[in-house]
Amino acid sequence: MEQPQALCPYLERRDMRCGGTMTLVNLPEAFRLCAGDHERCTVYHQIRQSDRFHGAVPALARSA
């Protein structure tokens, strides 16, 4: 049985930096990254780095 996939903790923030991935053309890639493999997403790491720099690391975005 497969493990449930974790959603990207930034998905609901509707960050503009995700715009290139969150398109109908890139829908399969968006599902792959945002709904299961966000640790491989460069935008995820950019947002996370930015949050750390600005001191706004939400609890959801922290690594377990």
Protein backbone atom coordinates (compact mmCIF):
# COMPACT_ATOMS: atom_id res chain seq x y z
CA MET A 1 0.00 0.00 0.00
CA GLU A 2 1.31 3.47 -0.94
CA GLN A 3 2.04 6.14 1.65
CA PRO A 4 -0.18 9.24 1.40
CA GLN A 5 1.61 12.09 -0.35
CA ALA A 6 2.17 15.34 1.52
CA LEU A 7 0.94 18.57 -0.01
CA CYS A 8 3.29 21.50 -0.32
CA PRO A 9 2.86 23.66 2.79
CA TYR A 10 2.91 26.79 0.58
CA LEU A 11 0.15 25.61 -1.76
CA GLU A 12 -2.62 27.61 -0.11
CA ARG A 13 -0.59 30.82 0.06
CA ARG A 14 -1.12 31.35 -3.68
CA ASP A 15 2.38 32.74 -4.02
CA MET A 16 3.03 34.37 -7.40
CA ARG A 17 6.34 32.48 -7.65
CA CYS A 18 4.32 29.29 -8.16
CA GLY A 19 2.64 30.75 -11.25
CA GLY A 20 4.92 29.02 -13.74
CA THR A 21 4.13 25.62 -12.31
CA MET A 22 0.45 26.16 -11.58
CA THR A 23 -0.84 26.26 -15.15
CA LEU A 24 -3.06 23.93 -17.13
CA VAL A 25 -0.17 23.17 -19.46
CA ASN A 26 1.98 22.10 -16.50
CA LEU A 27 -0.80 20.37 -14.57
CA PRO A 28 0.93 16.95 -14.40
CA GLU A 29 4.13 18.61 -13.15
CA ALA A 30 2.18 20.71 -10.64
CA PHE A 31 0.50 17.60 -9.22
CA ARG A 32 3.81 15.76 -9.08
CA LEU A 33 5.56 18.56 -7.20
CA CYS A 34 2.82 20.23 -5.18
CA ALA A 35 0.96 17.10 -4.21
CA GLY A 36 3.74 14.74 -3.39
CA ASP A 37 7.30 15.81 -4.08
CA HIS A 38 7.57 19.46 -3.05
CA GLU A 39 11.07 18.87 -1.64
CA ARG A 40 12.28 18.72 -5.28
CA CYS A 41 10.59 21.99 -6.24
CA THR A 42 12.94 24.94 -6.68
CA VAL A 43 10.14 27.42 -5.97
CA TYR A 44 9.40 25.69 -2.65
CA HIS A 45 13.01 26.22 -1.63
CA GLN A 46 12.97 29.87 -2.81
CA ILE A 47 9.87 30.62 -0.74
CA ARG A 48 11.27 28.79 2.25
CA GLN A 49 14.58 30.65 2.02
CA SER A 50 12.75 33.95 1.71
CA ASP A 51 10.62 33.17 4.76
CA ARG A 52 13.70 32.29 6.78
CA PHE A 53 15.44 35.50 5.69
CA HIS A 54 12.43 37.57 6.72
CA GLY A 55 11.90 35.61 9.95
CA ALA A 56 8.49 34.34 8.94
CA VAL A 57 8.83 30.56 8.95
CA PRO A 58 5.33 29.17 9.50
CA ALA A 59 5.10 25.94 11.48
CA LEU A 60 3.78 24.09 8.42
CA ALA A 61 6.83 24.97 6.34
CA ARG A 62 9.36 23.63 8.82
CA SER A 63 10.88 20.23 8.14
CA ALA A 64 9.69 17.45 10.35
